[in-house]
């Protein structure tokens, strides 16, 4: 999603993609590949009853309550005040709601498999709870994502949303499905390093997006770097004497006027 949104916005919307932005896209792909290689395997959940028991665990219930409280705080308090000036407000709402949409998709996938296997999934209340949750969460995500796209740069919105959304989803998987319990230390380190590589790529993609850097002008950009001029106040300009040939008694004097 990060490279595709950056490249398409560059060609279709005329937004610039310099050398550092292309390097950021490459790092995002590398980090994603590392994460996939070391990603934990899904815990085997094959029935809606097992999914129900997972959703009823105290740890996930507390986590879901915290996410709902944060979402309500963002929607009803922070979004009306800071949504149009701070890009993180709308995108955090989308990411937090994404935890419920991903969990709902996981449960509905189990329900669809059970339906084709002849199980009475339509009579199970969890199926309809998941459908309602999925529709509400996706509608909210689309609403606030479109609001963010209307205000902020497209190439800035999608990478930040990707990082926030991925963080929330990984946390949700850890709490709900306990996928990291069986992981080795090497896989944990690899997954974390892959995610940090993605964040580094996103940072390069947008922190320097306004710089005119390419392979052709890279040597000139490095050679033309000059130290920033030293800003001096009036007192320093008056006192400083550049001509050392002036005798001490002939140097300009500074008078201080008191009022």
Protein backbone atom coordinates (compact mmCIF):
# COMPACT_ATOMS: atom_id res chain seq x y z
CA UNK A 1 0.00 0.00 0.00
CA UNK A 2 2.83 2.45 0.79
CA UNK A 3 4.74 2.15 -2.54
CA UNK A 4 1.55 1.92 -4.60
CA UNK A 5 -0.01 5.04 -3.06
CA UNK A 6 3.25 6.99 -3.42
CA UNK A 7 3.82 5.98 -7.05
CA UNK A 8 0.21 6.44 -8.13
CA UNK A 9 -0.06 9.84 -6.42
CA UNK A 10 3.16 10.83 -8.18
CA UNK A 11 1.85 9.96 -11.64
CA UNK A 12 -1.88 10.67 -11.28
CA UNK A 13 -1.95 13.59 -8.84
CA UNK A 14 1.34 15.24 -9.74
CA UNK A 15 2.84 14.80 -6.28
CA UNK A 16 6.63 14.63 -6.23
CA UNK A 17 8.56 11.43 -5.53
CA UNK A 18 12.28 12.12 -5.20
CA UNK A 19 15.23 9.78 -4.70
CA UNK A 20 14.70 9.52 -0.94
CA UNK A 21 11.03 8.76 -1.51
CA UNK A 22 11.92 5.90 -3.86
CA UNK A 23 14.39 4.62 -1.26
CA UNK A 24 11.61 4.79 1.34
CA UNK A 25 9.33 2.71 -0.89
CA UNK A 26 12.10 0.13 -1.30
CA UNK A 27 12.65 -0.05 2.46
CA UNK A 28 8.92 -0.52 2.98
CA UNK A 29 8.95 -3.50 0.63
CA UNK A 30 12.04 -4.96 2.33
CA UNK A 31 10.54 -4.51 5.80
CA UNK A 32 7.26 -6.10 4.72
CA UNK A 33 9.13 -9.08 3.29
CA UNK A 34 11.08 -9.55 6.52
CA UNK A 35 7.85 -9.37 8.53
CA UNK A 36 6.18 -12.00 6.34
CA UNK A 37 9.17 -14.35 6.68
CA UNK A 38 9.18 -14.11 10.47
CA UNK A 39 5.44 -13.62 11.02
CA UNK A 40 3.74 -15.87 13.59
CA UNK A 41 1.38 -18.58 12.45
CA UNK A 42 -2.30 -18.16 13.15
CA UNK A 43 -3.62 -20.08 16.10
CA UNK A 44 -6.02 -22.69 14.83
CA UNK A 45 -9.56 -21.37 15.36
CA UNK A 46 -12.03 -23.36 13.27
CA UNK A 47 -15.46 -22.81 14.83
CA UNK A 48 -17.54 -19.87 15.99
CA UNK A 49 -17.62 -21.35 19.48
CA UNK A 50 -13.83 -21.13 19.67
CA UNK A 51 -13.96 -17.59 18.31
CA UNK A 52 -16.57 -16.68 20.92
CA UNK A 53 -14.36 -17.98 23.71
CA UNK A 54 -11.47 -15.89 22.37
CA UNK A 55 -13.59 -12.75 22.29
CA UNK A 56 -14.82 -13.35 25.85
CA UNK A 57 -11.36 -13.51 27.40
CA UNK A 58 -10.81 -10.74 29.99
CA UNK A 59 -7.64 -9.50 28.32
CA UNK A 60 -9.33 -8.86 24.99
CA UNK A 61 -12.43 -7.37 26.61
CA UNK A 62 -10.28 -4.86 28.51
CA UNK A 63 -8.32 -4.09 25.32
CA UNK A 64 -11.54 -3.58 23.32
CA UNK A 65 -12.94 -1.28 26.03
CA UNK A 66 -9.79 0.86 25.92
CA UNK A 67 -9.99 1.09 22.12
CA UNK A 68 -13.66 2.09 22.24
CA UNK A 69 -13.00 4.77 24.87
CA UNK A 70 -10.11 6.13 22.80
CA UNK A 71 -12.24 6.09 19.67
CA UNK A 72 -15.10 8.00 21.32
CA UNK A 73 -12.63 10.54 22.70
CA UNK A 74 -11.15 11.08 19.24
CA UNK A 75 -14.49 11.29 17.42
CA UNK A 76 -16.46 13.49 19.79
CA UNK A 77 -13.76 15.69 21.35
CA UNK A 78 -10.50 15.82 19.39
CA UNK A 79 -11.79 15.49 15.81
CA UNK A 80 -14.05 18.60 15.85
CA UNK A 81 -11.25 20.70 17.37
CA UNK A 82 -8.02 19.41 15.80
CA UNK A 83 -9.07 17.12 12.94
CA UNK A 84 -8.46 19.66 10.18
CA UNK A 85 -5.08 20.75 11.49
CA UNK A 86 -3.54 17.50 12.79
CA UNK A 87 -3.27 14.55 10.41
CA UNK A 88 -2.98 12.03 13.24
CA UNK A 89 -6.50 12.59 14.57
CA UNK A 90 -8.51 11.17 11.66
CA UNK A 91 -5.93 8.47 10.89
CA UNK A 92 -5.85 7.29 14.50
CA UNK A 93 -9.63 6.88 14.40
CA UNK A 94 -9.31 4.75 11.25
CA UNK A 95 -6.54 2.67 12.78
CA UNK A 96 -8.31 2.06 16.10
CA UNK A 97 -11.52 1.06 14.32
CA UNK A 98 -9.40 -1.21 12.13
CA UNK A 99 -8.81 -3.50 15.09
CA UNK A 100 -12.53 -4.34 15.13
CA UNK A 101 -12.80 -4.71 11.36
CA UNK A 102 -9.87 -7.15 11.20
CA UNK A 103 -11.26 -9.23 14.08
CA UNK A 104 -14.67 -9.26 12.42
CA UNK A 105 -13.20 -10.39 9.09
CA UNK A 106 -11.37 -13.20 10.88
CA UNK A 107 -14.58 -14.38 12.53
CA UNK A 108 -16.65 -14.08 9.36
CA UNK A 109 -14.05 -16.10 7.50
CA UNK A 110 -14.59 -18.89 9.99
CA UNK A 111 -18.37 -18.49 9.60
CA UNK A 112 -18.17 -18.74 5.80
CA UNK A 113 -16.09 -21.92 6.02
CA UNK A 114 -18.61 -23.36 8.45
CA UNK A 115 -21.51 -22.39 6.18
CA UNK A 116 -20.09 -24.34 3.23
CA UNK A 117 -19.33 -27.23 5.59
CA UNK A 118 -23.02 -27.44 6.50
CA UNK A 119 -22.78 -25.92 9.97
CA UNK A 120 -25.73 -23.79 11.26
CA UNK A 121 -23.71 -20.57 11.36
CA UNK A 122 -26.69 -18.37 10.43
CA UNK A 123 -28.38 -19.28 13.69
CA UNK A 124 -25.32 -18.37 15.72
CA UNK A 125 -25.62 -14.83 17.21
CA UNK A 126 -21.90 -14.16 16.81
CA UNK A 127 -22.27 -14.21 13.02
CA UNK A 128 -24.65 -11.27 13.00
CA UNK A 129 -22.68 -9.42 15.67
CA UNK A 130 -19.60 -9.71 13.47
CA UNK A 131 -21.52 -8.52 10.39
CA UNK A 132 -22.84 -5.43 12.20
CA UNK A 133 -19.41 -4.69 13.67
CA UNK A 134 -17.74 -5.04 10.27
CA UNK A 135 -20.22 -2.75 8.51
CA UNK A 136 -20.01 -0.09 11.23
CA UNK A 137 -16.22 -0.19 11.44
CA UNK A 138 -15.63 -0.09 7.67
CA UNK A 139 -18.13 2.77 7.27
CA UNK A 140 -16.36 4.76 9.98
CA UNK A 141 -12.94 4.04 8.48
CA UNK A 142 -14.00 5.15 5.00
CA UNK A 143 -15.62 8.29 6.37
CA UNK A 144 -12.59 9.54 8.29
CA UNK A 145 -10.08 8.35 5.71
CA UNK A 146 -11.87 10.38 3.04
CA UNK A 147 -11.91 13.39 5.36
CA UNK A 148 -8.18 13.05 5.82
CA UNK A 149 -7.60 12.70 2.06
CA UNK A 150 -9.65 15.85 1.43
CA UNK A 151 -7.41 17.90 3.71
CA UNK A 152 -3.92 16.40 3.61
CA UNK A 153 -1.49 15.16 0.97
CA UNK A 154 -2.32 11.70 -0.36
CA UNK A 155 1.28 10.49 -0.23
CA UNK A 156 1.38 11.53 3.41
CA UNK A 157 -1.93 10.00 4.48
CA UNK A 158 -1.49 6.41 3.35
CA UNK A 159 1.94 5.68 4.87
CA UNK A 160 1.01 7.14 8.26
CA UNK A 161 -2.25 5.21 8.15
CA UNK A 162 -0.34 2.06 7.21
CA UNK A 163 2.01 2.35 10.20
CA UNK A 164 -0.77 3.11 12.69
CA UNK A 165 -3.10 0.46 11.31
CA UNK A 166 -0.40 -2.22 11.24
CA UNK A 167 0.60 -1.43 14.82
CA UNK A 168 -2.99 -1.77 16.05
CA UNK A 169 -3.57 -4.98 14.08
CA UNK A 170 -0.39 -6.63 15.40
CA UNK A 171 -1.35 -5.69 18.94
CA UNK A 172 -4.86 -7.04 18.44
CA UNK A 173 -3.52 -10.34 17.10
CA UNK A 174 -1.18 -10.69 20.05
CA UNK A 175 -4.00 -10.18 22.55
CA UNK A 176 -6.83 -12.01 20.76
CA UNK A 177 -5.12 -14.99 19.12
CA UNK A 178 -1.90 -15.11 21.15
CA UNK A 179 0.06 -15.67 17.95
CA UNK A 180 3.43 -14.77 19.44
CA UNK A 181 3.34 -17.36 22.20
CA UNK A 182 4.97 -20.05 20.05
CA UNK A 183 7.43 -17.70 18.29
CA UNK A 184 11.18 -18.06 18.73
CA UNK A 185 13.42 -15.18 19.75
CA UNK A 186 14.79 -14.95 16.20
CA UNK A 187 11.29 -14.60 14.75
CA UNK A 188 10.33 -11.95 17.30
CA UNK A 189 13.46 -9.91 16.56
CA UNK A 190 12.93 -10.36 12.81
CA UNK A 191 9.33 -9.20 13.00
CA UNK A 192 10.20 -6.14 15.07
CA UNK A 193 13.15 -5.25 12.80
CA UNK A 194 10.96 -5.63 9.72
CA UNK A 195 8.36 -3.30 11.18
CA UNK A 196 11.01 -0.74 12.16
CA UNK A 197 12.38 -0.92 8.62
CA UNK A 198 8.92 -0.07 7.31
CA UNK A 199 8.71 2.91 9.66
CA UNK A 200 12.15 4.09 8.48
CA UNK A 201 11.01 3.81 4.88
CA UNK A 202 7.87 5.81 5.60
CA UNK A 203 9.98 8.45 7.35
CA UNK A 204 12.30 8.80 4.35
CA UNK A 205 9.31 8.91 2.04
CA UNK A 206 7.79 11.95 3.71
CA UNK A 207 10.34 13.76 5.85
CA UNK A 208 12.28 14.80 2.73
CA UNK A 209 9.47 14.79 0.16
CA UNK A 210 9.94 18.49 -0.66
CA UNK A 211 13.65 18.16 -1.46
CA UNK A 212 14.71 18.13 -5.11
CA UNK A 213 16.99 15.08 -4.91
CA UNK A 214 17.63 12.66 -7.77
CA UNK A 215 20.47 10.50 -9.03
CA UNK A 216 21.35 13.17 -11.59
CA UNK A 217 21.69 16.13 -9.22
CA UNK A 218 22.82 14.25 -6.09
CA UNK A 219 26.52 15.28 -6.43
CA UNK A 220 25.52 18.93 -6.89
CA UNK A 221 23.18 18.79 -3.90
CA UNK A 222 25.97 17.43 -1.70
CA UNK A 223 28.54 19.96 -2.98
CA UNK A 224 26.27 22.99 -2.73
CA UNK A 225 25.56 22.49 0.95
CA UNK A 226 26.71 25.62 2.81
CA UNK A 227 26.74 26.31 6.51
CA UNK A 228 23.83 28.30 7.74
CA UNK A 229 24.63 32.02 8.21
CA UNK A 230 25.25 33.15 11.76
CA UNK A 231 22.61 35.57 12.93
CA UNK A 232 23.99 38.36 15.08
CA UNK A 233 22.07 40.95 16.99
CA UNK A 234 22.73 44.70 16.85
CA UNK A 235 24.91 44.68 19.96
CA UNK A 236 27.37 42.20 18.47
CA UNK A 237 27.50 44.13 15.20
CA UNK A 238 28.27 47.38 17.02
CA UNK A 239 30.96 45.95 19.27
CA UNK A 240 32.73 43.79 16.69
CA UNK A 241 35.69 45.46 14.98
CA UNK A 242 36.93 43.62 11.92
CA UNK A 243 39.88 45.92 11.14
CA UNK A 244 42.67 45.05 13.55
CA UNK A 245 44.73 48.06 12.39
CA UNK A 246 42.58 50.47 14.35
CA UNK A 247 44.20 51.50 17.57
CA UNK A 248 42.35 50.66 20.78
CA UNK A 249 41.70 54.32 21.48
CA UNK A 250 40.32 54.84 17.97
CA UNK A 251 37.89 51.92 18.11
CA UNK A 252 34.21 52.86 17.97
CA UNK A 253 32.65 53.17 21.34
CA UNK A 254 29.21 51.98 22.37
CA UNK A 255 27.04 54.18 24.54
CA UNK A 256 24.12 52.84 26.51
CA UNK A 257 21.18 55.17 26.99
CA UNK A 258 19.01 54.69 30.03
CA UNK A 259 15.44 55.96 30.08
